[in-house]
Amino acid sequence: MPPEDAYTATPFLPSSRRSLPALRKAAAACRGCPLHRAATQTVFGAGKATARIMLVGEQPGDQEDRKGTPFVGPAGALLDRALADAGIDPAEAYLTNAVKHFKFTQSEPGKRRIHKAPTLREMTACAPWLAAELAAVEPELLVVLGATAGKALLGSSFRVTRVRGTLLEEEIHGRPQRLVPTVHPSAVLRSDDRDAAYQGLVSDLKVAARALR
């Protein structure tokens, strides 16, 4: 295996069968970048292999890192509610992140772990996992949650404020893909006007719901 400072997950992917269970098992041993050192575990995607819609966030948070499942913290609860309000069954979606390990800062052991945004290099290192998930699920639609996920999928020039709530068609990891960008649910939780921010998220997700009809 290459050293972790080579920043690539490619050697850790299964060489043949790349079903979601096989990918999840292989990802648990990923050492493709230094982020695995401090994280509790790899947090792979979750949901049905037949999901018509895939939602992609930035990275797991504190609770996700501890539990090993994406979107199980406060932002995940808000996202489930917003999906339901938009007419999308959360149980029918596939949820994942652009980066599979929790990146954080911590003043000292036992203190709260503070989320830290992944770098472009770290997102690039983790991109083979997301490409493999897309190939395994083949969703009809992607929902891109926030600027970091958008940059991971569409490049560093991506700005969520410019395109949120619009149906786009782009080539993602070598395959044509329809997608709807919106804000990350954690941005709603941080908003000064949470009600308005929440309604904006639901409005964007309704665009996704219409695209699936």
N, C-alpha and C. Protein backbone atom coordinates (compact mmCIF):
# COMPACT_ATOMS: atom_id res chain seq x y z
N MET A 1 0.83 -1.19 0.00
CA MET A 1 0.00 0.00 0.00
C MET A 1 0.88 1.26 0.00
N PRO A 2 0.44 2.32 -0.67
CA PRO A 2 1.20 3.56 -0.65
C PRO A 2 1.08 4.21 0.72
N PRO A 3 2.01 5.09 1.05
CA PRO A 3 1.89 5.81 2.33
C PRO A 3 0.67 6.70 2.34
N GLU A 4 0.14 6.98 3.53
CA GLU A 4 -1.08 7.78 3.62
C GLU A 4 -0.87 9.19 3.10
N ASP A 5 0.37 9.66 3.10
CA ASP A 5 0.59 11.02 2.59
C ASP A 5 0.59 11.05 1.06
N ALA A 6 0.30 9.91 0.42
CA ALA A 6 0.07 9.91 -1.03
C ALA A 6 -1.32 10.44 -1.36
N TYR A 7 -2.19 10.48 -0.37
CA TYR A 7 -3.53 11.05 -0.50
C TYR A 7 -4.31 10.43 -1.66
N THR A 8 -4.53 9.13 -1.58
CA THR A 8 -5.41 8.46 -2.53
C THR A 8 -6.00 7.21 -1.89
N ALA A 9 -7.30 7.05 -2.05
CA ALA A 9 -7.99 5.88 -1.52
C ALA A 9 -8.01 4.73 -2.52
N THR A 10 -7.59 4.97 -3.74
CA THR A 10 -7.73 3.98 -4.81
C THR A 10 -7.21 2.59 -4.45
N PRO A 11 -6.02 2.47 -3.83
CA PRO A 11 -5.52 1.11 -3.55
C PRO A 11 -6.36 0.34 -2.53
N PHE A 12 -7.25 1.03 -1.81
CA PHE A 12 -8.04 0.36 -0.78
C PHE A 12 -9.39 -0.13 -1.29
N LEU A 13 -9.75 0.26 -2.51
CA LEU A 13 -11.02 -0.20 -3.08
C LEU A 13 -10.92 -1.68 -3.46
N PRO A 14 -12.03 -2.41 -3.40
CA PRO A 14 -12.02 -3.82 -3.84
C PRO A 14 -11.58 -3.91 -5.29
N SER A 15 -10.81 -4.94 -5.60
CA SER A 15 -10.29 -5.08 -6.95
C SER A 15 -11.34 -5.58 -7.94
N SER A 16 -12.36 -6.28 -7.44
CA SER A 16 -13.37 -6.81 -8.36
C SER A 16 -14.77 -6.38 -7.95
N ARG A 17 -15.50 -7.24 -7.26
CA ARG A 17 -16.89 -6.95 -6.93
C ARG A 17 -16.99 -5.68 -6.08
N ARG A 18 -17.75 -4.69 -6.56
CA ARG A 18 -17.87 -3.42 -5.85
C ARG A 18 -19.31 -3.13 -5.48
N SER A 19 -19.95 -4.10 -4.85
CA SER A 19 -21.27 -3.88 -4.29
C SER A 19 -21.13 -2.97 -3.08
N LEU A 20 -22.24 -2.41 -2.61
CA LEU A 20 -22.16 -1.54 -1.44
C LEU A 20 -21.60 -2.26 -0.22
N PRO A 21 -22.03 -3.51 0.08
CA PRO A 21 -21.44 -4.19 1.24
C PRO A 21 -19.93 -4.39 1.09
N ALA A 22 -19.47 -4.72 -0.12
CA ALA A 22 -18.04 -4.89 -0.34
C ALA A 22 -17.29 -3.58 -0.19
N LEU A 23 -17.87 -2.51 -0.70
CA LEU A 23 -17.24 -1.20 -0.56
C LEU A 23 -17.19 -0.76 0.89
N ARG A 24 -18.28 -0.97 1.61
CA ARG A 24 -18.33 -0.58 3.02
C ARG A 24 -17.26 -1.32 3.83
N LYS A 25 -17.12 -2.61 3.58
CA LYS A 25 -16.13 -3.41 4.29
C LYS A 25 -14.71 -2.92 3.98
N ALA A 26 -14.44 -2.63 2.71
CA ALA A 26 -13.11 -2.17 2.32
C ALA A 26 -12.82 -0.78 2.87
N ALA A 27 -13.82 0.08 2.88
CA ALA A 27 -13.62 1.45 3.35
C ALA A 27 -13.26 1.49 4.83
N ALA A 28 -13.69 0.49 5.58
CA ALA A 28 -13.38 0.46 7.01
C ALA A 28 -11.88 0.39 7.27
N ALA A 29 -11.14 -0.10 6.29
CA ALA A 29 -9.68 -0.22 6.43
C ALA A 29 -8.92 0.84 5.65
N CYS A 30 -9.62 1.87 5.17
CA CYS A 30 -8.96 2.88 4.33
C CYS A 30 -7.96 3.70 5.14
N ARG A 31 -6.78 3.81 4.57
CA ARG A 31 -5.71 4.64 5.14
C ARG A 31 -5.17 5.57 4.04
N GLY A 32 -6.08 6.03 3.20
CA GLY A 32 -5.69 6.79 2.02
C GLY A 32 -5.25 8.21 2.28
N CYS A 33 -5.48 8.71 3.48
CA CYS A 33 -4.99 10.02 3.87
C CYS A 33 -4.89 10.05 5.39
N PRO A 34 -4.24 11.05 5.97
CA PRO A 34 -4.02 11.05 7.42
C PRO A 34 -5.28 11.23 8.27
N LEU A 35 -6.43 11.53 7.69
CA LEU A 35 -7.62 11.79 8.50
C LEU A 35 -8.05 10.58 9.32
N HIS A 36 -7.67 9.39 8.90
CA HIS A 36 -8.11 8.19 9.63
C HIS A 36 -7.50 8.12 11.02
N ARG A 37 -6.37 8.81 11.23
CA ARG A 37 -5.64 8.67 12.50
C ARG A 37 -6.47 9.11 13.70
N ALA A 38 -7.08 10.28 13.60
CA ALA A 38 -7.80 10.84 14.76
C ALA A 38 -9.26 10.40 14.80
N ALA A 39 -9.82 10.01 13.66
CA ALA A 39 -11.23 9.62 13.61
C ALA A 39 -11.45 8.29 14.32
N THR A 40 -12.65 8.11 14.83
CA THR A 40 -13.00 6.85 15.47
C THR A 40 -13.11 5.71 14.47
N GLN A 41 -13.70 6.01 13.31
CA GLN A 41 -13.93 4.98 12.30
C GLN A 41 -14.30 5.64 10.98
N THR A 42 -14.25 4.84 9.92
CA THR A 42 -14.77 5.28 8.63
C THR A 42 -16.28 5.35 8.72
N VAL A 43 -16.86 6.41 8.16
CA VAL A 43 -18.32 6.52 8.09
C VAL A 43 -18.72 6.45 6.62
N PHE A 44 -19.13 5.26 6.21
CA PHE A 44 -19.50 5.04 4.82
C PHE A 44 -20.96 5.44 4.62
N GLY A 45 -21.40 5.44 3.37
CA GLY A 45 -22.77 5.79 3.06
C GLY A 45 -23.76 4.76 3.59
N ALA A 46 -25.02 5.15 3.63
CA ALA A 46 -26.08 4.26 4.13
C ALA A 46 -27.33 4.44 3.29
N GLY A 47 -28.02 3.33 3.05
CA GLY A 47 -29.25 3.39 2.28
C GLY A 47 -29.34 2.24 1.30
N LYS A 48 -30.39 2.25 0.51
CA LYS A 48 -30.65 1.16 -0.43
C LYS A 48 -29.78 1.28 -1.68
N ALA A 49 -29.34 0.13 -2.18
CA ALA A 49 -28.58 0.12 -3.43
C ALA A 49 -29.47 0.50 -4.61
N THR A 50 -30.79 0.43 -4.41
CA THR A 50 -31.75 0.77 -5.46
C THR A 50 -32.31 2.19 -5.32
N ALA A 51 -31.73 2.99 -4.44
CA ALA A 51 -32.24 4.34 -4.20
C ALA A 51 -32.23 5.17 -5.47
N ARG A 52 -33.30 5.89 -5.70
CA ARG A 52 -33.38 6.76 -6.87
C ARG A 52 -32.67 8.09 -6.62
N ILE A 53 -32.48 8.43 -5.35
CA ILE A 53 -31.88 9.71 -5.00
C ILE A 53 -30.73 9.50 -4.02
N MET A 54 -29.63 10.16 -4.27
CA MET A 54 -28.46 10.11 -3.39
C MET A 54 -28.17 11.52 -2.90
N LEU A 55 -28.02 11.67 -1.59
CA LEU A 55 -27.67 12.96 -1.00
C LEU A 55 -26.23 12.91 -0.52
N VAL A 56 -25.47 13.92 -0.91
CA VAL A 56 -24.03 13.95 -0.60
C VAL A 56 -23.72 15.17 0.24
N GLY A 57 -23.23 14.94 1.45
CA GLY A 57 -22.79 16.01 2.32
C GLY A 57 -21.28 16.16 2.33
N GLU A 58 -20.79 16.87 3.31
CA GLU A 58 -19.36 17.18 3.37
C GLU A 58 -18.56 16.04 4.00
N GLN A 59 -18.82 15.78 5.28
CA GLN A 59 -18.08 14.77 6.03
C GLN A 59 -18.91 14.40 7.27
N PRO A 60 -18.61 13.28 7.90
CA PRO A 60 -19.33 12.95 9.14
C PRO A 60 -19.01 13.94 10.24
N GLY A 61 -19.96 14.11 11.15
CA GLY A 61 -19.75 14.95 12.32
C GLY A 61 -19.40 14.11 13.53
N ASP A 62 -19.44 14.73 14.69
CA ASP A 62 -19.03 14.06 15.92
C ASP A 62 -19.86 12.81 16.20
N GLN A 63 -21.19 12.93 16.14
CA GLN A 63 -22.04 11.78 16.44
C GLN A 63 -21.93 10.70 15.37
N GLU A 64 -21.80 11.12 14.11
CA GLU A 64 -21.64 10.16 13.04
C GLU A 64 -20.33 9.37 13.20
N ASP A 65 -19.28 10.08 13.60
CA ASP A 65 -17.99 9.43 13.82
C ASP A 65 -18.08 8.38 14.93
N ARG A 66 -18.83 8.67 15.96
CA ARG A 66 -18.95 7.74 17.08
C ARG A 66 -19.84 6.54 16.73
N LYS A 67 -20.88 6.78 15.92
CA LYS A 67 -21.84 5.72 15.62
C LYS A 67 -21.55 4.98 14.32
N GLY A 68 -20.76 5.59 13.43
CA GLY A 68 -20.40 4.92 12.20
C GLY A 68 -21.44 5.00 11.10
N THR A 69 -22.41 5.92 11.24
CA THR A 69 -23.49 6.06 10.27
C THR A 69 -23.66 7.54 9.91
N PRO A 70 -23.84 7.87 8.63
CA PRO A 70 -23.98 9.27 8.26
C PRO A 70 -25.31 9.88 8.67
N PHE A 71 -25.30 11.17 8.95
CA PHE A 71 -26.52 11.96 9.20
C PHE A 71 -27.37 11.41 10.34
N VAL A 72 -26.74 11.11 11.46
CA VAL A 72 -27.49 10.65 12.63
C VAL A 72 -27.50 11.70 13.75
N GLY A 73 -26.85 12.85 13.53
CA GLY A 73 -26.85 13.92 14.51
C GLY A 73 -27.99 14.90 14.27
N PRO A 74 -27.93 16.08 14.88
CA PRO A 74 -28.98 17.08 14.72
C PRO A 74 -29.22 17.49 13.27
N ALA A 75 -28.15 17.63 12.48
CA ALA A 75 -28.33 17.99 11.07
C ALA A 75 -29.05 16.89 10.31
N GLY A 76 -28.77 15.65 10.66
CA GLY A 76 -29.45 14.54 10.01
C GLY A 76 -30.93 14.49 10.34
N ALA A 77 -31.27 14.77 11.60
CA ALA A 77 -32.68 14.79 11.99
C ALA A 77 -33.42 15.90 11.24
N LEU A 78 -32.76 17.05 11.11
CA LEU A 78 -33.38 18.15 10.38
C LEU A 78 -33.54 17.79 8.90
N LEU A 79 -32.53 17.13 8.33
CA LEU A 79 -32.62 16.72 6.93
C LEU A 79 -33.76 15.74 6.71
N ASP A 80 -33.93 14.78 7.59
CA ASP A 80 -35.05 13.83 7.46
C ASP A 80 -36.39 14.56 7.45
N ARG A 81 -36.53 15.54 8.33
CA ARG A 81 -37.79 16.29 8.41
C ARG A 81 -38.00 17.11 7.13
N ALA A 82 -36.92 17.71 6.63
CA ALA A 82 -37.03 18.52 5.41
C ALA A 82 -37.37 17.65 4.20
N LEU A 83 -36.75 16.48 4.12
CA LEU A 83 -37.07 15.56 3.02
C LEU A 83 -38.55 15.18 3.05
N ALA A 84 -39.04 14.82 4.22
CA ALA A 84 -40.45 14.45 4.35
C ALA A 84 -41.36 15.60 3.98
N ASP A 85 -41.02 16.81 4.42
CA ASP A 85 -41.83 17.98 4.10
C ASP A 85 -41.81 18.30 2.61
N ALA A 86 -40.74 17.87 1.93
CA ALA A 86 -40.63 18.11 0.49
C ALA A 86 -41.27 17.00 -0.33
N GLY A 87 -41.73 15.95 0.35
CA GLY A 87 -42.37 14.85 -0.37
C GLY A 87 -41.43 13.73 -0.76
N ILE A 88 -40.29 13.63 -0.09
CA ILE A 88 -39.31 12.57 -0.36
C ILE A 88 -39.20 11.70 0.89
N ASP A 89 -39.38 10.40 0.72
CA ASP A 89 -39.27 9.48 1.85
C ASP A 89 -37.80 9.31 2.21
N PRO A 90 -37.37 9.73 3.40
CA PRO A 90 -35.96 9.59 3.78
C PRO A 90 -35.46 8.15 3.71
N ALA A 91 -36.36 7.20 3.96
CA ALA A 91 -35.97 5.79 3.94
C ALA A 91 -35.64 5.30 2.53
N GLU A 92 -36.06 6.06 1.52
CA GLU A 92 -35.81 5.66 0.14
C GLU A 92 -34.57 6.33 -0.45
N ALA A 93 -33.87 7.14 0.35
CA ALA A 93 -32.69 7.86 -0.13
C ALA A 93 -31.41 7.16 0.29
N TYR A 94 -30.35 7.42 -0.44
CA TYR A 94 -29.02 6.95 -0.06
C TYR A 94 -28.25 8.18 0.42
N LEU A 95 -27.68 8.09 1.62
CA LEU A 95 -26.99 9.22 2.24
C LEU A 95 -25.51 8.93 2.36
N THR A 96 -24.69 9.89 1.96
CA THR A 96 -23.25 9.70 2.08
C THR A 96 -22.56 11.06 2.19
N ASN A 97 -21.24 11.03 2.29
CA ASN A 97 -20.45 12.25 2.38
C ASN A 97 -19.28 12.19 1.41
N ALA A 98 -18.80 13.36 1.04
CA ALA A 98 -17.64 13.43 0.15
C ALA A 98 -16.39 12.90 0.82
N VAL A 99 -16.28 13.09 2.13
CA VAL A 99 -15.14 12.62 2.92
C VAL A 99 -15.68 11.67 3.98
N LYS A 100 -15.01 10.55 4.17
CA LYS A 100 -15.55 9.48 5.01
C LYS A 100 -15.00 9.46 6.44
N HIS A 101 -14.09 10.35 6.78
CA HIS A 101 -13.58 10.43 8.15
C HIS A 101 -13.84 11.83 8.72
N PHE A 102 -14.11 11.89 10.01
CA PHE A 102 -14.39 13.14 10.71
C PHE A 102 -13.09 13.92 10.92
N LYS A 103 -13.06 15.14 10.42
CA LYS A 103 -11.92 16.03 10.63
C LYS A 103 -12.32 17.07 11.67
N PHE A 104 -11.48 17.24 12.69
CA PHE A 104 -11.86 18.13 13.77
C PHE A 104 -10.64 18.72 14.46
N THR A 105 -10.90 19.74 15.26
CA THR A 105 -9.89 20.29 16.16
C THR A 105 -10.38 20.06 17.59
N GLN A 106 -9.42 19.95 18.50
CA GLN A 106 -9.76 19.68 19.89
C GLN A 106 -8.67 20.30 20.77
N SER A 107 -9.06 21.17 21.68
CA SER A 107 -8.07 21.89 22.49
C SER A 107 -7.28 20.94 23.39
N GLU A 108 -7.98 19.91 23.90
CA GLU A 108 -7.32 18.91 24.73
C GLU A 108 -8.23 17.70 24.85
N PRO A 109 -7.68 16.52 25.19
CA PRO A 109 -8.51 15.32 25.31
C PRO A 109 -9.69 15.53 26.26
N GLY A 110 -10.84 15.06 25.84
CA GLY A 110 -12.03 15.19 26.67
C GLY A 110 -12.85 16.43 26.37
N LYS A 111 -12.23 17.40 25.68
CA LYS A 111 -12.96 18.60 25.29
C LYS A 111 -13.76 18.33 24.02
N ARG A 112 -14.69 19.22 23.73
CA ARG A 112 -15.54 19.07 22.56
C ARG A 112 -14.71 19.07 21.28
N ARG A 113 -15.07 18.18 20.38
CA ARG A 113 -14.40 18.11 19.08
C ARG A 113 -15.12 19.04 18.09
N ILE A 114 -14.38 19.99 17.55
CA ILE A 114 -14.95 21.01 16.68
C ILE A 114 -14.69 20.65 15.22
N HIS A 115 -15.76 20.60 14.44
CA HIS A 115 -15.67 20.30 13.00
C HIS A 115 -14.68 21.22 12.31
N LYS A 116 -13.89 20.66 11.43
CA LYS A 116 -12.96 21.43 10.60
C LYS A 116 -13.15 21.00 9.16
N ALA A 117 -13.30 21.95 8.25
CA ALA A 117 -13.59 21.61 6.85
C ALA A 117 -12.43 20.86 6.22
N PRO A 118 -12.70 19.82 5.45
CA PRO A 118 -11.64 19.10 4.76
C PRO A 118 -11.03 19.95 3.66
N THR A 119 -9.78 19.68 3.35
CA THR A 119 -9.09 20.38 2.27
C THR A 119 -9.44 19.75 0.93
N LEU A 120 -9.12 20.45 -0.14
CA LEU A 120 -9.33 19.91 -1.48
C LEU A 120 -8.52 18.62 -1.66
N ARG A 121 -7.34 18.58 -1.09
CA ARG A 121 -6.50 17.38 -1.20
C ARG A 121 -7.16 16.19 -0.50
N GLU A 122 -7.74 16.44 0.65
CA GLU A 122 -8.42 15.36 1.37
C GLU A 122 -9.67 14.90 0.63
N MET A 123 -10.41 15.83 0.05
CA MET A 123 -11.59 15.46 -0.73
C MET A 123 -11.20 14.65 -1.96
N THR A 124 -10.11 15.06 -2.59
CA THR A 124 -9.64 14.34 -3.77
C THR A 124 -9.19 12.93 -3.41
N ALA A 125 -8.53 12.78 -2.26
CA ALA A 125 -8.10 11.47 -1.80
C ALA A 125 -9.27 10.53 -1.60
N CYS A 126 -10.37 11.07 -1.12
CA CYS A 126 -11.56 10.26 -0.79
C CYS A 126 -12.49 10.07 -1.98
N ALA A 127 -12.27 10.79 -3.07
CA ALA A 127 -13.17 10.76 -4.22
C ALA A 127 -13.42 9.38 -4.79
N PRO A 128 -12.45 8.46 -4.80
CA PRO A 128 -12.73 7.12 -5.34
C PRO A 128 -13.87 6.39 -4.63
N TRP A 129 -14.04 6.63 -3.34
CA TRP A 129 -15.16 6.00 -2.63
C TRP A 129 -16.49 6.53 -3.13
N LEU A 130 -16.58 7.84 -3.29
CA LEU A 130 -17.83 8.44 -3.77
C LEU A 130 -18.13 8.01 -5.20
N ALA A 131 -17.09 7.93 -6.03
CA ALA A 131 -17.28 7.46 -7.41
C ALA A 131 -17.79 6.03 -7.42
N ALA A 132 -17.26 5.20 -6.52
CA ALA A 132 -17.71 3.81 -6.45
C ALA A 132 -19.14 3.70 -5.95
N GLU A 133 -19.52 4.56 -5.00
CA GLU A 133 -20.91 4.57 -4.53
C GLU A 133 -21.87 4.96 -5.66
N LEU A 134 -21.49 5.96 -6.43
CA LEU A 134 -22.33 6.38 -7.56
C LEU A 134 -22.49 5.25 -8.56
N ALA A 135 -21.41 4.54 -8.83
CA ALA A 135 -21.47 3.44 -9.78
C ALA A 135 -22.32 2.29 -9.25
N ALA A 136 -22.28 2.06 -7.95
CA ALA A 136 -23.05 0.96 -7.35
C ALA A 136 -24.54 1.28 -7.27
N VAL A 137 -24.87 2.52 -6.93
CA VAL A 137 -26.28 2.90 -6.74
C VAL A 137 -26.93 3.35 -8.04
N GLU A 138 -26.17 4.07 -8.85
CA GLU A 138 -26.70 4.65 -10.08
C GLU A 138 -27.98 5.45 -9.83
N PRO A 139 -27.91 6.46 -8.97
CA PRO A 139 -29.12 7.22 -8.65
C PRO A 139 -29.61 8.04 -9.84
N GLU A 140 -30.90 8.24 -9.89
CA GLU A 140 -31.46 9.12 -10.91
C GLU A 140 -31.13 10.57 -10.64
N LEU A 141 -30.90 10.89 -9.37
CA LEU A 141 -30.70 12.29 -8.99
C LEU A 141 -29.75 12.39 -7.80
N LEU A 142 -28.88 13.38 -7.85
CA LEU A 142 -28.03 13.71 -6.72
C LEU A 142 -28.54 14.99 -6.08
N VAL A 143 -28.53 15.04 -4.76
CA VAL A 143 -28.73 16.30 -4.05
C VAL A 143 -27.41 16.62 -3.37
N VAL A 144 -26.85 17.76 -3.74
CA VAL A 144 -25.54 18.18 -3.23
C VAL A 144 -25.78 19.12 -2.05
N LEU A 145 -25.33 18.70 -0.88
CA LEU A 145 -25.60 19.43 0.35
C LEU A 145 -24.41 20.30 0.74
N GLY A 146 -24.43 21.55 0.32
CA GLY A 146 -23.43 22.49 0.77
C GLY A 146 -22.26 22.68 -0.17
N ALA A 147 -21.47 23.71 0.13
CA ALA A 147 -20.38 24.12 -0.75
C ALA A 147 -19.26 23.09 -0.84
N THR A 148 -18.91 22.46 0.27
CA THR A 148 -17.80 21.52 0.24
C THR A 148 -18.12 20.31 -0.61
N ALA A 149 -19.32 19.76 -0.45
CA ALA A 149 -19.73 18.63 -1.29
C ALA A 149 -19.77 19.04 -2.75
N GLY A 150 -20.25 20.26 -3.01
CA GLY A 150 -20.29 20.75 -4.38
C GLY A 150 -18.91 20.87 -5.00
N LYS A 151 -17.96 21.35 -4.24
CA LYS A 151 -16.59 21.47 -4.75
C LYS A 151 -15.97 20.10 -4.98
N ALA A 152 -16.30 19.15 -4.11
CA ALA A 152 -15.78 17.79 -4.28
C ALA A 152 -16.29 17.16 -5.57
N LEU A 153 -17.53 17.46 -5.93
CA LEU A 153 -18.14 16.85 -7.10
C LEU A 153 -17.95 17.66 -8.38
N LEU A 154 -17.93 18.99 -8.25
CA LEU A 154 -17.98 19.85 -9.43
C LEU A 154 -16.79 20.77 -9.59
N GLY A 155 -15.85 20.75 -8.64
CA GLY A 155 -14.66 21.57 -8.78
C GLY A 155 -14.67 22.78 -7.86
N SER A 156 -13.52 23.38 -7.72
CA SER A 156 -13.32 24.44 -6.73
C SER A 156 -14.08 25.72 -7.03
N SER A 157 -14.56 25.90 -8.27
CA SER A 157 -15.30 27.11 -8.62
C SER A 157 -16.77 27.04 -8.20
N PHE A 158 -17.22 25.90 -7.70
CA PHE A 158 -18.62 25.74 -7.33
C PHE A 158 -19.01 26.71 -6.21
N ARG A 159 -20.17 27.35 -6.36
CA ARG A 159 -20.74 28.22 -5.34
C ARG A 159 -22.21 27.86 -5.15
N VAL A 160 -22.52 27.33 -3.99
CA VAL A 160 -23.88 26.84 -3.77
C VAL A 160 -24.91 27.96 -3.87
N THR A 161 -24.54 29.17 -3.49
CA THR A 161 -25.50 30.28 -3.50
C THR A 161 -25.92 30.65 -4.93
N ARG A 162 -25.10 30.32 -5.90
CA ARG A 162 -25.42 30.67 -7.29
C ARG A 162 -26.40 29.69 -7.93
N VAL A 163 -26.37 28.45 -7.50
CA VAL A 163 -27.12 27.42 -8.22
C VAL A 163 -28.09 26.63 -7.34
N ARG A 164 -28.22 26.97 -6.09
CA ARG A 164 -29.08 26.19 -5.21
C ARG A 164 -30.52 26.18 -5.72
N GLY A 165 -31.18 25.04 -5.57
CA GLY A 165 -32.57 24.94 -5.97
C GLY A 165 -32.80 24.86 -7.46
N THR A 166 -31.74 24.58 -8.23
CA THR A 166 -31.89 24.44 -9.69
C THR A 166 -31.51 23.02 -10.10
N LEU A 167 -32.15 22.52 -11.13
CA LEU A 167 -31.85 21.19 -11.65
C LEU A 167 -30.76 21.32 -12.69
N LEU A 168 -29.63 20.69 -12.42
CA LEU A 168 -28.48 20.76 -13.31
C LEU A 168 -28.20 19.39 -13.91
N GLU A 169 -27.48 19.40 -15.02
CA GLU A 169 -26.99 18.17 -15.62
C GLU A 169 -25.48 18.32 -15.82
N GLU A 170 -24.72 17.46 -15.17
CA GLU A 170 -23.26 17.54 -15.22
C GLU A 170 -22.68 16.14 -15.36
N GLU A 171 -21.43 16.08 -15.78
CA GLU A 171 -20.72 14.80 -15.77
C GLU A 171 -20.02 14.66 -14.42
N ILE A 172 -20.37 13.63 -13.69
CA ILE A 172 -19.80 13.38 -12.37
C ILE A 172 -19.08 12.04 -12.39
N HIS A 173 -17.79 12.07 -12.16
CA HIS A 173 -16.99 10.84 -12.15
C HIS A 173 -17.26 9.99 -13.39
N GLY A 174 -17.30 10.66 -14.54
CA GLY A 174 -17.39 9.95 -15.81
C GLY A 174 -18.77 9.52 -16.24
N ARG A 175 -19.80 9.93 -15.49
CA ARG A 175 -21.16 9.54 -15.88
C ARG A 175 -22.07 10.76 -15.87
N PRO A 176 -22.99 10.88 -16.84
CA PRO A 176 -23.94 12.00 -16.84
C PRO A 176 -24.85 11.89 -15.63
N GLN A 177 -25.09 13.02 -14.99
CA GLN A 177 -25.84 12.99 -13.74
C GLN A 177 -26.70 14.23 -13.60
N ARG A 178 -27.94 14.04 -13.21
CA ARG A 178 -28.80 15.17 -12.84
C ARG A 178 -28.58 15.44 -11.35
N LEU A 179 -28.57 16.71 -11.01
CA LEU A 179 -28.33 17.05 -9.60
C LEU A 179 -29.01 18.36 -9.23
N VAL A 180 -29.31 18.47 -7.94
CA VAL A 180 -29.88 19.68 -7.36
C VAL A 180 -29.01 20.09 -6.17
N PRO A 181 -28.35 21.23 -6.24
CA PRO A 181 -27.57 21.70 -5.10
C PRO A 181 -28.46 22.45 -4.09
N THR A 182 -28.10 22.33 -2.83
CA THR A 182 -28.75 23.12 -1.78
C THR A 182 -27.77 23.29 -0.63
N VAL A 183 -28.22 23.94 0.41
CA VAL A 183 -27.35 24.16 1.57
C VAL A 183 -27.27 22.88 2.41
N HIS A 184 -26.24 22.78 3.21
CA HIS A 184 -26.14 21.67 4.14
C HIS A 184 -27.09 21.93 5.31
N PRO A 185 -27.76 20.91 5.83
CA PRO A 185 -28.68 21.15 6.94
C PRO A 185 -28.02 21.77 8.17
N SER A 186 -26.73 21.57 8.35
CA SER A 186 -26.05 22.21 9.48
C SER A 186 -26.06 23.73 9.33
N ALA A 187 -26.09 24.23 8.08
CA ALA A 187 -26.17 25.68 7.85
C ALA A 187 -27.50 26.23 8.33
N VAL A 188 -28.55 25.43 8.22
CA VAL A 188 -29.86 25.83 8.73
C VAL A 188 -29.80 25.96 10.25
N LEU A 189 -29.15 25.00 10.91
CA LEU A 189 -29.04 25.03 12.36
C LEU A 189 -28.24 26.22 12.86
N ARG A 190 -27.32 26.71 12.05
CA ARG A 190 -26.48 27.86 12.43
C ARG A 190 -27.11 29.20 12.07
N SER A 191 -28.19 29.17 11.29
CA SER A 191 -28.77 30.40 10.77
C SER A 191 -29.41 31.25 11.86
N ASP A 192 -29.31 32.56 11.70
CA ASP A 192 -29.98 33.49 12.63
C ASP A 192 -31.50 33.41 12.48
N ASP A 193 -31.95 33.13 11.25
CA ASP A 193 -33.38 32.96 10.99
C ASP A 193 -33.59 31.52 10.57
N ARG A 194 -33.69 30.64 11.54
CA ARG A 194 -33.73 29.21 11.25
C ARG A 194 -34.97 28.82 10.47
N ASP A 195 -36.11 29.44 10.76
CA ASP A 195 -37.35 29.10 10.06
C ASP A 195 -37.23 29.40 8.57
N ALA A 196 -36.72 30.58 8.25
CA ALA A 196 -36.56 30.95 6.84
C ALA A 196 -35.54 30.04 6.15
N ALA A 197 -34.45 29.73 6.84
CA ALA A 197 -33.43 28.86 6.26
C ALA A 197 -33.98 27.46 6.02
N TYR A 198 -34.79 27.00 6.95
CA TYR A 198 -35.39 25.68 6.80
C TYR A 198 -36.35 25.65 5.61
N GLN A 199 -37.18 26.66 5.47
CA GLN A 199 -38.10 26.71 4.35
C GLN A 199 -37.35 26.79 3.02
N GLY A 200 -36.20 27.45 3.02
CA GLY A 200 -35.38 27.49 1.81
C GLY A 200 -34.86 26.12 1.44
N LEU A 201 -34.43 25.35 2.46
CA LEU A 201 -33.98 23.98 2.21
C LEU A 201 -35.11 23.12 1.67
N VAL A 202 -36.29 23.22 2.28
CA VAL A 202 -37.44 22.44 1.82
C VAL A 202 -37.80 22.82 0.39
N SER A 203 -37.75 24.10 0.07
CA SER A 203 -38.05 24.56 -1.29
C SER A 203 -37.10 23.94 -2.30
N ASP A 204 -35.81 23.89 -1.96
CA ASP A 204 -34.82 23.28 -2.85
C ASP A 204 -35.09 21.78 -3.02
N LEU A 205 -35.44 21.13 -1.92
CA LEU A 205 -35.70 19.69 -1.98
C LEU A 205 -36.98 19.37 -2.76
N LYS A 206 -37.90 20.31 -2.80
CA LYS A 206 -39.10 20.12 -3.61
C LYS A 206 -38.74 20.09 -5.10
N VAL A 207 -37.71 20.84 -5.49
CA VAL A 207 -37.22 20.79 -6.88
C VAL A 207 -36.73 19.38 -7.16
N ALA A 208 -36.01 18.79 -6.22
CA ALA A 208 -35.55 17.41 -6.37
C ALA A 208 -36.71 16.44 -6.45
N ALA A 209 -37.73 16.65 -5.62
CA ALA A 209 -38.89 15.76 -5.62
C ALA A 209 -39.61 15.81 -6.97
N ARG A 210 -39.74 17.00 -7.53
CA ARG A 210 -40.40 17.13 -8.84
C ARG A 210 -39.57 16.45 -9.93
N ALA A 211 -38.25 16.50 -9.80
CA ALA A 211 -37.38 15.90 -10.81
C ALA A 211 -37.49 14.37 -10.82
N LEU A 212 -37.96 13.80 -9.73
CA LEU A 212 -38.09 12.35 -9.62
C LEU A 212 -39.44 11.83 -10.09
N ARG A 213 -40.35 12.74 -10.38
CA ARG A 213 -41.70 12.30 -10.78
C ARG A 213 -41.71 11.76 -12.21
